[in-house]
Amino acid sequence: PKWLKAAAIIAARNDIRYYLDGVLVEVYEHEARLVGTDGHRMVIFRKLVEGAAPTRLIVPTEIIGLLRPSAKHPKIDATISYDPSNAAARATLDYLSIGFQFTPIDGKFPEYAQVMNKAAKPSGVVTPLDINYLADFQRCVQIAFGEARIWQPSIRHNGQEPAAVTFKGRDDFFGLITYGPPGNGKTR
Protein backbone atom coordinates (compact mmCIF):
# COMPACT_ATOMS: atom_id res chain seq x y z
CA PRO A 1 0.00 0.00 0.00
CA LYS A 2 2.85 2.43 0.71
CA TRP A 3 4.28 1.88 -2.75
CA LEU A 4 0.91 2.53 -4.40
CA LYS A 5 0.57 5.76 -2.39
CA ALA A 6 4.12 6.77 -3.34
CA ALA A 7 3.65 6.07 -7.06
CA ALA A 8 0.37 8.02 -7.02
CA ILE A 9 2.31 11.17 -6.03
CA ILE A 10 3.90 11.16 -9.48
CA ALA A 11 0.75 10.12 -11.41
CA ALA A 12 -1.09 12.80 -13.35
CA ARG A 13 -4.26 14.46 -12.06
CA ASN A 14 -7.14 15.19 -14.44
CA ASP A 15 -4.85 14.95 -17.46
CA ILE A 16 -6.26 14.90 -20.97
CA ARG A 17 -4.24 11.68 -21.23
CA TYR A 18 -6.67 9.98 -18.82
CA TYR A 19 -4.60 6.78 -18.69
CA LEU A 20 -1.94 8.72 -16.73
CA ASP A 21 -4.45 9.42 -13.94
CA GLY A 22 -3.54 6.15 -12.27
CA VAL A 23 -0.73 3.79 -11.36
CA LEU A 24 0.20 0.97 -13.70
CA VAL A 25 0.39 -2.39 -11.95
CA GLU A 26 2.36 -4.80 -14.08
CA VAL A 27 3.02 -8.35 -12.94
CA TYR A 28 5.32 -10.88 -14.52
CA GLU A 29 6.07 -14.41 -13.34
CA HIS A 30 8.97 -13.23 -11.11
CA GLU A 31 8.53 -9.47 -10.73
CA ALA A 32 5.83 -6.91 -10.03
CA ARG A 33 6.13 -3.23 -10.95
CA LEU A 34 4.20 -0.14 -9.97
CA VAL A 35 4.61 2.81 -12.35
CA GLY A 36 3.36 6.37 -12.00
CA THR A 37 3.99 9.22 -14.44
CA ASP A 38 2.67 12.62 -15.41
CA GLY A 39 4.73 12.91 -18.61
CA HIS A 40 7.47 15.02 -16.94
CA ARG A 41 8.64 12.51 -14.37
CA MET A 42 8.18 8.82 -13.73
CA VAL A 43 8.63 6.50 -10.76
CA ILE A 44 8.99 2.73 -10.92
CA PHE A 45 8.85 0.43 -7.90
CA ARG A 46 9.90 -3.19 -8.42
CA LYS A 47 9.38 -6.22 -6.20
CA LEU A 48 10.40 -9.82 -6.74
CA VAL A 49 7.46 -12.22 -6.63
CA GLU A 50 7.09 -15.95 -7.19
CA GLY A 51 4.48 -17.69 -9.29
CA ALA A 52 2.34 -14.62 -9.95
CA ALA A 53 -0.15 -14.60 -12.80
CA PRO A 54 0.99 -12.12 -15.46
CA THR A 55 -1.32 -9.12 -15.69
CA ARG A 56 -1.33 -5.40 -16.45
CA LEU A 57 -3.88 -2.86 -15.25
CA ILE A 58 -4.09 0.81 -14.32
CA VAL A 59 -5.41 1.54 -10.82
CA PRO A 60 -7.14 4.96 -10.62
CA THR A 61 -5.52 7.41 -8.21
CA GLU A 62 -8.86 7.99 -6.46
CA ILE A 63 -8.89 4.31 -5.40
CA ILE A 64 -5.29 4.57 -4.17
CA GLY A 65 -6.34 7.65 -2.20
CA LEU A 66 -8.68 5.43 -0.15
CA LEU A 67 -5.78 3.33 1.16
CA ARG A 68 -4.52 4.10 4.64
CA PRO A 69 -1.25 2.21 5.23
CA SER A 70 -1.15 0.80 8.74
CA ALA A 71 1.70 1.66 11.12
CA LYS A 72 0.68 -1.37 13.21
CA HIS A 73 1.00 -3.73 10.23
CA PRO A 74 3.80 -2.29 8.05
CA LYS A 75 4.68 -5.63 6.43
CA ILE A 76 1.16 -6.50 5.22
CA ASP A 77 0.86 -6.18 1.45
CA ALA A 78 -2.16 -5.09 -0.52
CA THR A 79 -3.39 -7.57 -3.12
CA ILE A 80 -5.22 -6.99 -6.36
CA SER A 81 -7.62 -9.54 -7.84
CA TYR A 82 -8.39 -9.10 -11.51
CA ASP A 83 -9.34 -11.24 -14.50
CA PRO A 84 -7.73 -9.61 -17.57
CA SER A 85 -9.49 -12.05 -19.93
CA ASN A 86 -12.85 -10.44 -19.07
CA ALA A 87 -12.92 -6.93 -20.55
CA ALA A 88 -15.88 -5.96 -18.35
CA ALA A 89 -14.33 -7.31 -15.14
CA ARG A 90 -13.91 -5.15 -12.10
CA ALA A 91 -10.79 -5.43 -9.99
CA THR A 92 -10.57 -5.64 -6.21
CA LEU A 93 -7.83 -4.06 -4.12
CA ASP A 94 -7.68 -5.86 -0.76
CA TYR A 95 -5.85 -4.49 2.25
CA LEU A 96 -6.36 -5.42 5.92
CA SER A 97 -9.65 -7.22 5.18
CA ILE A 98 -11.08 -4.24 3.32
CA GLY A 99 -11.83 -4.64 -0.39
CA PHE A 100 -12.07 -1.73 -2.78
CA GLN A 101 -13.74 -2.64 -6.08
CA PHE A 102 -12.93 -0.54 -9.12
CA THR A 103 -12.89 -0.52 -12.87
CA PRO A 104 -9.31 -0.35 -14.15
CA ILE A 105 -8.56 2.62 -16.40
CA ASP A 106 -8.99 1.49 -19.99
CA GLY A 107 -6.07 2.95 -21.89
CA LYS A 108 -2.58 2.27 -23.17
CA PHE A 109 -0.02 3.26 -20.57
CA PRO A 110 3.27 4.62 -22.03
CA GLU A 111 5.99 2.09 -22.85
CA TYR A 112 8.10 3.11 -19.89
CA ALA A 113 10.70 0.32 -20.21
CA GLN A 114 12.22 1.86 -23.36
CA VAL A 115 12.73 5.21 -21.64
CA MET A 116 14.01 3.49 -18.49
CA ASN A 117 16.58 1.49 -20.48
CA LYS A 118 17.76 4.59 -22.34
CA ALA A 119 18.15 6.54 -19.09
CA ALA A 120 20.07 3.65 -17.50
CA LYS A 121 22.96 4.50 -19.87
CA PRO A 122 23.35 8.26 -19.31
CA SER A 123 25.37 10.59 -21.51
CA GLY A 124 26.61 12.61 -18.53
CA VAL A 125 25.63 15.89 -20.22
CA VAL A 126 24.22 18.14 -17.51
CA THR A 127 21.03 20.12 -18.20
CA PRO A 128 18.68 21.96 -15.83
CA LEU A 129 16.22 19.85 -13.85
CA ASP A 130 13.16 20.98 -11.92
CA ILE A 131 14.16 20.79 -8.24
CA ASN A 132 10.46 20.39 -7.30
CA TYR A 133 10.38 17.09 -9.16
CA LEU A 134 13.38 15.88 -7.17
CA ALA A 135 11.57 16.87 -3.97
CA ASP A 136 8.59 14.77 -5.09
CA PHE A 137 10.89 11.77 -5.56
CA GLN A 138 12.17 12.38 -2.03
CA ARG A 139 8.56 12.27 -0.77
CA CYS A 140 7.92 9.05 -2.70
CA VAL A 141 10.92 7.33 -1.13
CA GLN A 142 10.03 8.56 2.35
CA ILE A 143 6.47 7.20 2.02
CA ALA A 144 7.57 3.91 0.46
CA PHE A 145 10.55 3.11 2.67
CA GLY A 146 10.20 5.15 5.85
CA GLU A 147 10.64 8.71 6.97
CA ALA A 148 13.18 8.04 9.72
CA ARG A 149 16.04 8.24 7.26
CA ILE A 150 17.09 11.08 4.96
CA TRP A 151 17.20 9.68 1.45
CA GLN A 152 19.57 11.44 -0.95
CA PRO A 153 18.97 11.20 -4.68
CA SER A 154 21.61 10.33 -7.23
CA ILE A 155 21.02 11.89 -10.65
CA ARG A 156 22.43 10.41 -13.84
CA HIS A 157 22.35 13.35 -16.22
CA ASN A 158 21.43 12.54 -19.79
CA GLY A 159 21.39 15.78 -21.78
CA GLN A 160 17.97 16.49 -23.23
CA GLU A 161 16.83 12.92 -22.64
CA PRO A 162 15.23 11.87 -19.34
CA ALA A 163 17.68 11.59 -16.44
CA ALA A 164 17.63 8.62 -14.08
CA VAL A 165 17.11 9.28 -10.37
CA THR A 166 18.06 6.59 -7.88
CA PHE A 167 18.56 6.35 -4.13
CA LYS A 168 21.49 4.50 -2.58
CA GLY A 169 20.53 1.08 -1.29
CA ARG A 170 17.16 1.05 -3.07
CA ASP A 171 17.37 -1.24 -6.08
CA ASP A 172 13.58 -1.45 -5.98
CA PHE A 173 13.16 2.25 -6.93
CA PHE A 174 13.91 3.95 -10.25
CA GLY A 175 12.89 7.49 -11.19
CA LEU A 176 13.01 9.47 -14.42
CA ILE A 177 12.87 13.21 -14.83
CA THR A 178 12.76 15.34 -17.99
CA TYR A 179 15.15 18.20 -18.47
CA GLY A 180 14.40 21.86 -17.99
CA PRO A 181 13.12 24.37 -15.45
CA PRO A 182 9.47 24.36 -14.31
CA GLY A 183 6.95 25.08 -17.05
CA ASN A 184 9.27 24.50 -20.00
CA GLY A 185 6.68 22.28 -21.71
CA LYS A 186 9.16 19.50 -22.51
CA THR A 187 7.75 16.02 -22.10
CA ARG A 188 8.85 12.62 -23.28
C-alpha atoms as a PDB file:
ATOM      1  CA  PRO A   1       0.000   0.000   0.000  1.00  0.00           C
ATOM      2  CA  LYS A   2       2.848   2.428   0.712  1.00  0.00           C
ATOM      3  CA  TRP A   3       4.276   1.881  -2.750  1.00  0.00           C
ATOM      4  CA  LEU A   4       0.910   2.525  -4.395  1.00  0.00           C
ATOM      5  CA  LYS A   5       0.574   5.757  -2.391  1.00  0.00           C
ATOM      6  CA  ALA A   6       4.124   6.773  -3.335  1.00  0.00           C
ATOM      7  CA  ALA A   7       3.646   6.074  -7.058  1.00  0.00           C
ATOM      8  CA  ALA A   8       0.365   8.016  -7.019  1.00  0.00           C
ATOM      9  CA  ILE A   9       2.310  11.166  -6.026  1.00  0.00           C
ATOM     10  CA  ILE A  10       3.897  11.157  -9.482  1.00  0.00           C
ATOM     11  CA  ALA A  11       0.750  10.122 -11.406  1.00  0.00           C
ATOM     12  CA  ALA A  12      -1.090  12.805 -13.347  1.00  0.00           C
ATOM     13  CA  ARG A  13      -4.265  14.460 -12.065  1.00  0.00           C
ATOM     14  CA  ASN A  14      -7.145  15.191 -14.442  1.00  0.00           C
ATOM     15  CA  ASP A  15      -4.855  14.954 -17.456  1.00  0.00           C
ATOM     16  CA  ILE A  16      -6.264  14.903 -20.971  1.00  0.00           C
ATOM     17  CA  ARG A  17      -4.241  11.682 -21.235  1.00  0.00           C
ATOM     18  CA  TYR A  18      -6.672   9.983 -18.824  1.00  0.00           C
ATOM     19  CA  TYR A  19      -4.599   6.778 -18.689  1.00  0.00           C
ATOM     20  CA  LEU A  20      -1.936   8.718 -16.731  1.00  0.00           C
ATOM     21  CA  ASP A  21      -4.454   9.418 -13.936  1.00  0.00           C
ATOM     22  CA  GLY A  22      -3.544   6.151 -12.267  1.00  0.00           C
ATOM     23  CA  VAL A  23      -0.729   3.786 -11.357  1.00  0.00           C
ATOM     24  CA  LEU A  24       0.200   0.972 -13.703  1.00  0.00           C
ATOM     25  CA  VAL A  25       0.394  -2.393 -11.947  1.00  0.00           C
ATOM     26  CA  GLU A  26       2.358  -4.797 -14.079  1.00  0.00           C
ATOM     27  CA  VAL A  27       3.016  -8.350 -12.944  1.00  0.00           C
ATOM     28  CA  TYR A  28       5.316 -10.885 -14.518  1.00  0.00           C
ATOM     29  CA  GLU A  29       6.073 -14.407 -13.337  1.00  0.00           C
ATOM     30  CA  HIS A  30       8.966 -13.233 -11.114  1.00  0.00           C
ATOM     31  CA  GLU A  31       8.529  -9.471 -10.734  1.00  0.00           C
ATOM     32  CA  ALA A  32       5.826  -6.911 -10.032  1.00  0.00           C
ATOM     33  CA  ARG A  33       6.132  -3.233 -10.955  1.00  0.00           C
ATOM     34  CA  LEU A  34       4.199  -0.137  -9.971  1.00  0.00           C
ATOM     35  CA  VAL A  35       4.615   2.809 -12.345  1.00  0.00           C
ATOM     36  CA  GLY A  36       3.357   6.367 -11.996  1.00  0.00           C
ATOM     37  CA  THR A  37       3.993   9.216 -14.438  1.00  0.00           C
ATOM     38  CA  ASP A  38       2.674  12.616 -15.408  1.00  0.00           C
ATOM     39  CA  GLY A  39       4.733  12.913 -18.607  1.00  0.00           C
ATOM     40  CA  HIS A  40       7.467  15.022 -16.943  1.00  0.00           C
ATOM     41  CA  ARG A  41       8.637  12.505 -14.373  1.00  0.00           C
ATOM     42  CA  MET A  42       8.175   8.822 -13.728  1.00  0.00           C
ATOM     43  CA  VAL A  43       8.629   6.499 -10.764  1.00  0.00           C
ATOM     44  CA  ILE A  44       8.993   2.730 -10.925  1.00  0.00           C
ATOM     45  CA  PHE A  45       8.853   0.432  -7.904  1.00  0.00           C
ATOM     46  CA  ARG A  46       9.905  -3.192  -8.425  1.00  0.00           C
ATOM     47  CA  LYS A  47       9.381  -6.222  -6.200  1.00  0.00           C
ATOM     48  CA  LEU A  48      10.398  -9.825  -6.737  1.00  0.00           C
ATOM     49  CA  VAL A  49       7.458 -12.224  -6.628  1.00  0.00           C
ATOM     50  CA  GLU A  50       7.091 -15.951  -7.194  1.00  0.00           C
ATOM     51  CA  GLY A  51       4.479 -17.693  -9.292  1.00  0.00           C
ATOM     52  CA  ALA A  52       2.344 -14.620  -9.951  1.00  0.00           C
ATOM     53  CA  ALA A  53      -0.152 -14.597 -12.801  1.00  0.00           C
ATOM     54  CA  PRO A  54       0.989 -12.118 -15.461  1.00  0.00           C
ATOM     55  CA  THR A  55      -1.316  -9.124 -15.688  1.00  0.00           C
ATOM     56  CA  ARG A  56      -1.335  -5.404 -16.446  1.00  0.00           C
ATOM     57  CA  LEU A  57      -3.882  -2.856 -15.252  1.00  0.00           C
ATOM     58  CA  ILE A  58      -4.094   0.810 -14.320  1.00  0.00           C
ATOM     59  CA  VAL A  59      -5.409   1.542 -10.819  1.00  0.00           C
ATOM     60  CA  PRO A  60      -7.143   4.956 -10.623  1.00  0.00           C
ATOM     61  CA  THR A  61      -5.522   7.408  -8.211  1.00  0.00           C
ATOM     62  CA  GLU A  62      -8.861   7.987  -6.462  1.00  0.00           C
ATOM     63  CA  ILE A  63      -8.892   4.309  -5.404  1.00  0.00           C
ATOM     64  CA  ILE A  64      -5.294   4.574  -4.167  1.00  0.00           C
ATOM     65  CA  GLY A  65      -6.342   7.652  -2.197  1.00  0.00           C
ATOM     66  CA  LEU A  66      -8.676   5.432  -0.152  1.00  0.00           C
ATOM     67  CA  LEU A  67      -5.776   3.331   1.162  1.00  0.00           C
ATOM     68  CA  ARG A  68      -4.519   4.105   4.641  1.00  0.00           C
ATOM     69  CA  PRO A  69      -1.253   2.208   5.234  1.00  0.00           C
ATOM     70  CA  SER A  70      -1.154   0.798   8.744  1.00  0.00           C
ATOM     71  CA  ALA A  71       1.696   1.656  11.122  1.00  0.00           C
ATOM     72  CA  LYS A  72       0.682  -1.371  13.208  1.00  0.00           C
ATOM     73  CA  HIS A  73       1.003  -3.729  10.226  1.00  0.00           C
ATOM     74  CA  PRO A  74       3.803  -2.286   8.051  1.00  0.00           C
ATOM     75  CA  LYS A  75       4.676  -5.632   6.427  1.00  0.00           C
ATOM     76  CA  ILE A  76       1.165  -6.499   5.218  1.00  0.00           C
ATOM     77  CA  ASP A  77       0.858  -6.182   1.453  1.00  0.00           C
ATOM     78  CA  ALA A  78      -2.156  -5.085  -0.522  1.00  0.00           C
ATOM     79  CA  THR A  79      -3.394  -7.567  -3.116  1.00  0.00           C
ATOM     80  CA  ILE A  80      -5.222  -6.988  -6.363  1.00  0.00           C
ATOM     81  CA  SER A  81      -7.618  -9.536  -7.843  1.00  0.00           C
ATOM     82  CA  TYR A  82      -8.388  -9.100 -11.513  1.00  0.00           C
ATOM     83  CA  ASP A  83      -9.337 -11.238 -14.504  1.00  0.00           C
ATOM     84  CA  PRO A  84      -7.726  -9.611 -17.566  1.00  0.00           C
ATOM     85  CA  SER A  85      -9.490 -12.049 -19.929  1.00  0.00           C
ATOM     86  CA  ASN A  86     -12.845 -10.444 -19.065  1.00  0.00           C
ATOM     87  CA  ALA A  87     -12.919  -6.929 -20.546  1.00  0.00           C
ATOM     88  CA  ALA A  88     -15.885  -5.960 -18.349  1.00  0.00           C
ATOM     89  CA  ALA A  89     -14.326  -7.308 -15.140  1.00  0.00           C
ATOM     90  CA  ARG A  90     -13.905  -5.153 -12.096  1.00  0.00           C
ATOM     91  CA  ALA A  91     -10.793  -5.429  -9.986  1.00  0.00           C
ATOM     92  CA  THR A  92     -10.568  -5.643  -6.214  1.00  0.00           C
ATOM     93  CA  LEU A  93      -7.832  -4.065  -4.125  1.00  0.00           C
ATOM     94  CA  ASP A  94      -7.678  -5.862  -0.757  1.00  0.00           C
ATOM     95  CA  TYR A  95      -5.854  -4.490   2.249  1.00  0.00           C
ATOM     96  CA  LEU A  96      -6.359  -5.420   5.917  1.00  0.00           C
ATOM     97  CA  SER A  97      -9.649  -7.216   5.184  1.00  0.00           C
ATOM     98  CA  ILE A  98     -11.084  -4.235   3.316  1.00  0.00           C
ATOM     99  CA  GLY A  99     -11.835  -4.642  -0.389  1.00  0.00           C
ATOM    100  CA  PHE A 100     -12.072  -1.725  -2.781  1.00  0.00           C
ATOM    101  CA  GLN A 101     -13.736  -2.640  -6.079  1.00  0.00           C
ATOM    102  CA  PHE A 102     -12.929  -0.540  -9.115  1.00  0.00           C
ATOM    103  CA  THR A 103     -12.892  -0.523 -12.874  1.00  0.00           C
ATOM    104  CA  PRO A 104      -9.307  -0.346 -14.154  1.00  0.00           C
ATOM    105  CA  ILE A 105      -8.557   2.619 -16.403  1.00  0.00           C
ATOM    106  CA  ASP A 106      -8.994   1.486 -19.989  1.00  0.00           C
ATOM    107  CA  GLY A 107      -6.068   2.947 -21.886  1.00  0.00           C
ATOM    108  CA  LYS A 108      -2.584   2.272 -23.171  1.00  0.00           C
ATOM    109  CA  PHE A 109      -0.019   3.259 -20.569  1.00  0.00           C
ATOM    110  CA  PRO A 110       3.265   4.618 -22.030  1.00  0.00           C
ATOM    111  CA  GLU A 111       5.987   2.086 -22.846  1.00  0.00           C
ATOM    112  CA  TYR A 112       8.102   3.115 -19.887  1.00  0.00           C
ATOM    113  CA  ALA A 113      10.702   0.324 -20.207  1.00  0.00           C
ATOM    114  CA  GLN A 114      12.215   1.856 -23.357  1.00  0.00           C
ATOM    115  CA  VAL A 115      12.734   5.208 -21.643  1.00  0.00           C
ATOM    116  CA  MET A 116      14.008   3.488 -18.495  1.00  0.00           C
ATOM    117  CA  ASN A 117      16.584   1.491 -20.475  1.00  0.00           C
ATOM    118  CA  LYS A 118      17.757   4.592 -22.343  1.00  0.00           C
ATOM    119  CA  ALA A 119      18.149   6.544 -19.086  1.00  0.00           C
ATOM    120  CA  ALA A 120      20.071   3.653 -17.500  1.00  0.00           C
ATOM    121  CA  LYS A 121      22.959   4.500 -19.871  1.00  0.00           C
ATOM    122  CA  PRO A 122      23.350   8.257 -19.309  1.00  0.00           C
ATOM    123  CA  SER A 123      25.366  10.591 -21.515  1.00  0.00           C
ATOM    124  CA  GLY A 124      26.615  12.609 -18.535  1.00  0.00           C
ATOM    125  CA  VAL A 125      25.634  15.886 -20.225  1.00  0.00           C
ATOM    126  CA  VAL A 126      24.215  18.136 -17.507  1.00  0.00           C
ATOM    127  CA  THR A 127      21.033  20.119 -18.203  1.00  0.00           C
ATOM    128  CA  PRO A 128      18.681  21.962 -15.835  1.00  0.00           C
ATOM    129  CA  LEU A 129      16.216  19.854 -13.848  1.00  0.00           C
ATOM    130  CA  ASP A 130      13.161  20.985 -11.916  1.00  0.00           C
ATOM    131  CA  ILE A 131      14.159  20.790  -8.240  1.00  0.00           C
ATOM    132  CA  ASN A 132      10.465  20.391  -7.296  1.00  0.00           C
ATOM    133  CA  TYR A 133      10.382  17.086  -9.162  1.00  0.00           C
ATOM    134  CA  LEU A 134      13.376  15.883  -7.166  1.00  0.00           C
ATOM    135  CA  ALA A 135      11.567  16.871  -3.969  1.00  0.00           C
ATOM    136  CA  ASP A 136       8.588  14.771  -5.086  1.00  0.00           C
ATOM    137  CA  PHE A 137      10.890  11.768  -5.562  1.00  0.00           C
ATOM    138  CA  GLN A 138      12.169  12.377  -2.035  1.00  0.00           C
ATOM    139  CA  ARG A 139       8.559  12.273  -0.766  1.00  0.00           C
ATOM    140  CA  CYS A 140       7.924   9.048  -2.699  1.00  0.00           C
ATOM    141  CA  VAL A 141      10.919   7.330  -1.133  1.00  0.00           C
ATOM    142  CA  GLN A 142      10.025   8.557   2.354  1.00  0.00           C
ATOM    143  CA  ILE A 143       6.474   7.204   2.017  1.00  0.00           C
ATOM    144  CA  ALA A 144       7.566   3.909   0.456  1.00  0.00           C
ATOM    145  CA  PHE A 145      10.554   3.108   2.674  1.00  0.00           C
ATOM    146  CA  GLY A 146      10.197   5.153   5.854  1.00  0.00           C
ATOM    147  CA  GLU A 147      10.639   8.715   6.970  1.00  0.00           C
ATOM    148  CA  ALA A 148      13.182   8.042   9.724  1.00  0.00           C
ATOM    149  CA  ARG A 149      16.039   8.245   7.258  1.00  0.00           C
ATOM    150  CA  ILE A 150      17.089  11.077   4.965  1.00  0.00           C
ATOM    151  CA  TRP A 151      17.203   9.679   1.454  1.00  0.00           C
ATOM    152  CA  GLN A 152      19.570  11.439  -0.948  1.00  0.00           C
ATOM    153  CA  PRO A 153      18.965  11.196  -4.681  1.00  0.00           C
ATOM    154  CA  SER A 154      21.614  10.332  -7.228  1.00  0.00           C
ATOM    155  CA  ILE A 155      21.017  11.891 -10.650  1.00  0.00           C
ATOM    156  CA  ARG A 156      22.426  10.410 -13.835  1.00  0.00           C
ATOM    157  CA  HIS A 157      22.350  13.346 -16.219  1.00  0.00           C
ATOM    158  CA  ASN A 158      21.432  12.538 -19.794  1.00  0.00           C
ATOM    159  CA  GLY A 159      21.392  15.781 -21.781  1.00  0.00           C
ATOM    160  CA  GLN A 160      17.968  16.488 -23.227  1.00  0.00           C
ATOM    161  CA  GLU A 161      16.831  12.919 -22.637  1.00  0.00           C
ATOM    162  CA  PRO A 162      15.227  11.872 -19.336  1.00  0.00           C
ATOM    163  CA  ALA A 163      17.680  11.593 -16.435  1.00  0.00           C
ATOM    164  CA  ALA A 164      17.635   8.622 -14.081  1.00  0.00           C
ATOM    165  CA  VAL A 165      17.112   9.279 -10.373  1.00  0.00           C
ATOM    166  CA  THR A 166      18.058   6.591  -7.876  1.00  0.00           C
ATOM    167  CA  PHE A 167      18.561   6.349  -4.133  1.00  0.00           C
ATOM    168  CA  LYS A 168      21.493   4.502  -2.581  1.00  0.00           C
ATOM    169  CA  GLY A 169      20.532   1.076  -1.290  1.00  0.00           C
ATOM    170  CA  ARG A 170      17.163   1.050  -3.066  1.00  0.00           C
ATOM    171  CA  ASP A 171      17.370  -1.236  -6.084  1.00  0.00           C
ATOM    172  CA  ASP A 172      13.576  -1.448  -5.975  1.00  0.00           C
ATOM    173  CA  PHE A 173      13.163   2.251  -6.929  1.00  0.00           C
ATOM    174  CA  PHE A 174      13.906   3.955 -10.247  1.00  0.00           C
ATOM    175  CA  GLY A 175      12.894   7.493 -11.192  1.00  0.00           C
ATOM    176  CA  LEU A 176      13.012   9.471 -14.418  1.00  0.00           C
ATOM    177  CA  ILE A 177      12.865  13.214 -14.832  1.00  0.00           C
ATOM    178  CA  THR A 178      12.760  15.342 -17.989  1.00  0.00           C
ATOM    179  CA  TYR A 179      15.153  18.203 -18.467  1.00  0.00           C
ATOM    180  CA  GLY A 180      14.403  21.862 -17.987  1.00  0.00           C
ATOM    181  CA  PRO A 181      13.123  24.371 -15.451  1.00  0.00           C
ATOM    182  CA  PRO A 182       9.467  24.362 -14.313  1.00  0.00           C
ATOM    183  CA  GLY A 183       6.954  25.078 -17.055  1.00  0.00           C
ATOM    184  CA  ASN A 184       9.269  24.500 -20.004  1.00  0.00           C
ATOM    185  CA  GLY A 185       6.676  22.283 -21.706  1.00  0.00           C
ATOM    186  CA  LYS A 186       9.163  19.504 -22.512  1.00  0.00           C
ATOM    187  CA  THR A 187       7.755  16.025 -22.096  1.00  0.00           C
ATOM    188  CA  ARG A 188       8.849  12.625 -23.282  1.00  0.00           C
END
